C-alpha atoms as a PDB file:
ATOM      1  CA  MET A   1      35.562  47.981  62.466  1.00  0.00           C
ATOM      2  CA  LEU A   2      32.882  50.629  62.719  1.00  0.00           C
ATOM      3  CA  GLN A   3      29.359  49.323  62.102  1.00  0.00           C
ATOM      4  CA  SER A   4      26.191  50.951  60.836  1.00  0.00           C
ATOM      5  CA  ARG A   5      22.811  49.512  61.824  1.00  0.00           C
ATOM      6  CA  GLN A   6      19.521  50.106  60.037  1.00  0.00           C
ATOM      7  CA  SER A   7      16.056  48.845  60.822  1.00  0.00           C
ATOM      8  CA  ILE A   8      14.066  47.962  57.701  1.00  0.00           C
ATOM      9  CA  ARG A   9      10.322  47.304  57.733  1.00  0.00           C
ATOM     10  CA  ILE A  10       9.334  44.967  54.921  1.00  0.00           C
ATOM     11  CA  GLU A  11       6.571  46.630  52.925  1.00  0.00           C
ATOM     12  CA  TRP A  12       4.252  45.046  50.361  1.00  0.00           C
ATOM     13  CA  SER A  13       6.234  46.737  47.569  1.00  0.00           C
ATOM     14  CA  HIS A  14       9.379  44.836  48.687  1.00  0.00           C
ATOM     15  CA  CYS A  15       7.736  41.437  48.130  1.00  0.00           C
ATOM     16  CA  ASP A  16       7.412  39.055  45.221  1.00  0.00           C
ATOM     17  CA  PRO A  17       4.421  36.749  44.535  1.00  0.00           C
ATOM     18  CA  ALA A  18       5.694  34.320  47.209  1.00  0.00           C
ATOM     19  CA  LYS A  19       5.299  37.203  49.730  1.00  0.00           C
ATOM     20  CA  ILE A  20       9.024  37.238  50.510  1.00  0.00           C
ATOM     21  CA  ILE A  21      11.539  39.981  49.754  1.00  0.00           C
ATOM     22  CA  PHE A  22      12.200  40.320  46.026  1.00  0.00           C
ATOM     23  CA  ASN A  23      15.986  39.852  46.024  1.00  0.00           C
ATOM     24  CA  PRO A  24      17.021  43.087  44.215  1.00  0.00           C
ATOM     25  CA  HIS A  25      15.903  45.030  47.301  1.00  0.00           C
ATOM     26  CA  TYR A  26      18.811  43.532  49.235  1.00  0.00           C
ATOM     27  CA  TYR A  27      21.216  45.206  46.799  1.00  0.00           C
ATOM     28  CA  VAL A  28      19.537  48.600  47.241  1.00  0.00           C
ATOM     29  CA  TRP A  29      19.729  48.205  51.014  1.00  0.00           C
ATOM     30  CA  MET A  30      23.422  47.207  50.819  1.00  0.00           C
ATOM     31  CA  ASP A  31      24.129  50.354  48.811  1.00  0.00           C
ATOM     32  CA  ASN A  32      22.290  52.388  51.449  1.00  0.00           C
ATOM     33  CA  GLY A  33      24.243  50.568  54.169  1.00  0.00           C
ATOM     34  CA  THR A  34      27.532  51.705  52.656  1.00  0.00           C
ATOM     35  CA  HIS A  35      26.346  55.315  52.565  1.00  0.00           C
ATOM     36  CA  HIS A  36      25.035  55.102  56.145  1.00  0.00           C
ATOM     37  CA  LEU A  37      28.371  53.719  57.319  1.00  0.00           C
ATOM     38  CA  LEU A  38      30.244  56.608  55.712  1.00  0.00           C
ATOM     39  CA  GLU A  39      27.898  59.001  57.489  1.00  0.00           C
ATOM     40  CA  GLU A  40      28.449  57.201  60.815  1.00  0.00           C
ATOM     41  CA  ALA A  41      32.182  57.661  60.237  1.00  0.00           C
ATOM     42  CA  GLY A  42      31.694  61.415  59.805  1.00  0.00           C
ATOM     43  CA  PHE A  43      31.655  61.539  56.010  1.00  0.00           C
ATOM     44  CA  PRO A  44      28.065  62.075  54.832  1.00  0.00           C
ATOM     45  CA  PHE A  45      27.824  60.954  51.222  1.00  0.00           C
ATOM     46  CA  ALA A  46      25.782  64.060  50.343  1.00  0.00           C
ATOM     47  CA  ASP A  47      28.776  66.180  51.416  1.00  0.00           C
ATOM     48  CA  LEU A  48      31.313  63.968  49.648  1.00  0.00           C
ATOM     49  CA  VAL A  49      29.552  64.236  46.288  1.00  0.00           C
ATOM     50  CA  ARG A  50      29.673  68.037  46.532  1.00  0.00           C
ATOM     51  CA  THR A  51      33.469  67.807  46.455  1.00  0.00           C
ATOM     52  CA  PRO A  52      34.448  68.638  42.850  1.00  0.00           C
ATOM     53  CA  SER A  53      36.904  65.768  42.348  1.00  0.00           C
ATOM     54  CA  PHE A  54      35.018  63.027  44.254  1.00  0.00           C
ATOM     55  CA  ARG A  55      32.990  60.798  41.925  1.00  0.00           C
ATOM     56  CA  GLY A  56      31.807  58.134  44.321  1.00  0.00           C
ATOM     57  CA  CYS A  57      32.513  54.781  45.887  1.00  0.00           C
ATOM     58  CA  VAL A  58      32.155  52.861  42.677  1.00  0.00           C
ATOM     59  CA  LEU A  59      30.792  49.341  42.932  1.00  0.00           C
ATOM     60  CA  VAL A  60      32.981  46.819  41.112  1.00  0.00           C
ATOM     61  CA  SER A  61      31.602  43.568  42.542  1.00  0.00           C
ATOM     62  CA  SER A  62      28.649  42.441  44.633  1.00  0.00           C
ATOM     63  CA  SER A  63      27.127  39.222  45.850  1.00  0.00           C
ATOM     64  CA  ALA A  64      24.498  37.972  48.263  1.00  0.00           C
ATOM     65  CA  THR A  65      23.729  34.672  49.935  1.00  0.00           C
ATOM     66  CA  PHE A  66      20.224  33.982  51.210  1.00  0.00           C
ATOM     67  CA  PHE A  67      19.572  31.700  54.184  1.00  0.00           C
ATOM     68  CA  LYS A  68      16.039  32.410  55.398  1.00  0.00           C
ATOM     69  CA  PRO A  69      13.176  34.475  53.991  1.00  0.00           C
ATOM     70  CA  ALA A  70      11.740  37.677  55.404  1.00  0.00           C
ATOM     71  CA  PHE A  71       8.078  38.411  54.879  1.00  0.00           C
ATOM     72  CA  PHE A  72       5.713  41.336  54.448  1.00  0.00           C
ATOM     73  CA  GLY A  73       5.344  43.071  57.820  1.00  0.00           C
ATOM     74  CA  ASP A  74       8.662  41.847  59.249  1.00  0.00           C
ATOM     75  CA  THR A  75      11.233  44.246  60.594  1.00  0.00           C
ATOM     76  CA  ILE A  76      14.794  43.233  59.834  1.00  0.00           C
ATOM     77  CA  GLU A  77      18.145  44.740  60.778  1.00  0.00           C
ATOM     78  CA  LEU A  78      20.995  45.490  58.407  1.00  0.00           C
ATOM     79  CA  VAL A  79      24.512  45.675  59.861  1.00  0.00           C
ATOM     80  CA  SER A  80      27.138  47.091  57.490  1.00  0.00           C
ATOM     81  CA  GLU A  81      30.887  47.313  58.009  1.00  0.00           C
ATOM     82  CA  VAL A  82      34.153  47.316  56.107  1.00  0.00           C
ATOM     83  CA  GLU A  83      35.507  43.795  55.985  1.00  0.00           C
ATOM     84  CA  LYS A  84      38.905  44.754  54.555  1.00  0.00           C
ATOM     85  CA  PHE A  85      40.791  47.473  52.734  1.00  0.00           C
ATOM     86  CA  GLY A  86      42.794  47.026  49.570  1.00  0.00           C
ATOM     87  CA  THR A  87      45.132  49.558  48.008  1.00  0.00           C
ATOM     88  CA  LYS A  88      42.354  51.462  46.195  1.00  0.00           C
ATOM     89  CA  SER A  89      39.353  49.387  47.237  1.00  0.00           C
ATOM     90  CA  PHE A  90      37.388  48.343  50.258  1.00  0.00           C
ATOM     91  CA  THR A  91      35.165  45.338  50.793  1.00  0.00           C
ATOM     92  CA  MET A  92      31.862  45.861  52.557  1.00  0.00           C
ATOM     93  CA  LYS A  93      30.173  43.122  54.584  1.00  0.00           C
ATOM     94  CA  HIS A  94      26.397  43.366  55.052  1.00  0.00           C
ATOM     95  CA  THR A  95      24.407  41.112  57.374  1.00  0.00           C
ATOM     96  CA  PHE A  96      20.606  41.012  57.365  1.00  0.00           C
ATOM     97  CA  GLY A  97      19.026  39.600  60.502  1.00  0.00           C
ATOM     98  CA  ARG A  98      15.777  39.147  62.375  1.00  0.00           C
ATOM     99  CA  ASP A  99      15.428  38.125  66.013  1.00  0.00           C
ATOM    100  CA  GLY A 100      18.976  36.765  66.171  1.00  0.00           C
ATOM    101  CA  ASP A 101      18.733  34.790  62.911  1.00  0.00           C
ATOM    102  CA  VAL A 102      20.918  35.649  59.920  1.00  0.00           C
ATOM    103  CA  LEU A 103      18.619  35.926  56.909  1.00  0.00           C
ATOM    104  CA  ALA A 104      21.158  36.937  54.281  1.00  0.00           C
ATOM    105  CA  THR A 105      24.686  38.216  53.891  1.00  0.00           C
ATOM    106  CA  GLY A 106      26.103  40.398  51.179  1.00  0.00           C
ATOM    107  CA  GLN A 107      29.423  41.660  50.024  1.00  0.00           C
ATOM    108  CA  GLU A 108      30.409  44.641  47.907  1.00  0.00           C
ATOM    109  CA  VAL A 109      33.812  45.609  46.586  1.00  0.00           C
ATOM    110  CA  ARG A 110      34.085  49.342  45.971  1.00  0.00           C
ATOM    111  CA  VAL A 111      36.801  51.724  44.821  1.00  0.00           C
ATOM    112  CA  TRP A 112      37.249  55.338  45.869  1.00  0.00           C
ATOM    113  CA  ALA A 113      36.843  57.263  42.623  1.00  0.00           C
ATOM    114  CA  ILE A 114      37.831  60.771  41.617  1.00  0.00           C
ATOM    115  CA  SER A 115      37.586  62.697  38.359  1.00  0.00           C
ATOM    116  CA  ASP A 116      40.276  61.594  35.938  1.00  0.00           C
ATOM    117  CA  PRO A 117      42.434  64.642  35.162  1.00  0.00           C
ATOM    118  CA  ASP A 118      43.234  63.254  31.689  1.00  0.00           C
ATOM    119  CA  ARG A 119      39.627  62.458  30.720  1.00  0.00           C
ATOM    120  CA  PRO A 120      37.010  65.030  31.740  1.00  0.00           C
ATOM    121  CA  ASP A 121      34.194  62.466  31.753  1.00  0.00           C
ATOM    122  CA  GLY A 122      36.323  59.666  33.189  1.00  0.00           C
ATOM    123  CA  ILE A 123      37.063  58.461  36.668  1.00  0.00           C
ATOM    124  CA  SER A 124      40.128  57.035  38.365  1.00  0.00           C
ATOM    125  CA  ALA A 125      40.429  54.799  41.396  1.00  0.00           C
ATOM    126  CA  VAL A 126      42.671  56.193  44.120  1.00  0.00           C
ATOM    127  CA  ALA A 127      43.619  55.146  47.636  1.00  0.00           C
ATOM    128  CA  VAL A 128      40.851  55.572  50.198  1.00  0.00           C
ATOM    129  CA  PRO A 129      41.840  58.768  52.049  1.00  0.00           C
ATOM    130  CA  ASP A 130      43.602  58.073  55.343  1.00  0.00           C
ATOM    131  CA  ASP A 131      41.038  59.996  57.411  1.00  0.00           C
ATOM    132  CA  VAL A 132      38.192  57.956  55.899  1.00  0.00           C
ATOM    133  CA  ARG A 133      40.086  54.669  56.280  1.00  0.00           C
ATOM    134  CA  ASN A 134      40.925  55.475  59.919  1.00  0.00           C
ATOM    135  CA  ALA A 135      37.350  56.438  60.791  1.00  0.00           C
ATOM    136  CA  LEU A 136      35.912  53.292  59.185  1.00  0.00           C
ATOM    137  CA  SER A 137      38.491  51.149  61.002  1.00  0.00           C
ATOM    138  CA  GLN A 138      37.363  52.286  64.468  1.00  0.00           C
ATOM    139  CA  GLY A 139      35.287  49.830  66.383  1.00  0.00           C
END
């Protein structure tokens, strides 16, 4: 599968009183990782959201497992990729590392959402478009 890599410098504002990453930041970075991966695949999220019917890659489940801490001043790497595709969903795998060590892993389940034609303010999950699925499946 296609992978996106991001380098993240741990700033003071990312840390809790123990001087390690305050865990909600991992979820923000995972969200960014998904958007970066779409851009790597040729589908910048900023362009997708300008499409009238596209409503987003809606998050329906997320989790993280923490193995080792990262500290203020560290630089870590985030690797994001699609782990698997469902009928209308895709599962993202995110791995946070530093110097060859895995610090944390995360998983998101997302659905491809469009405007619901029967409810103007609603959304509907649909199959991930073939061109997007194919691009994300390259590796």
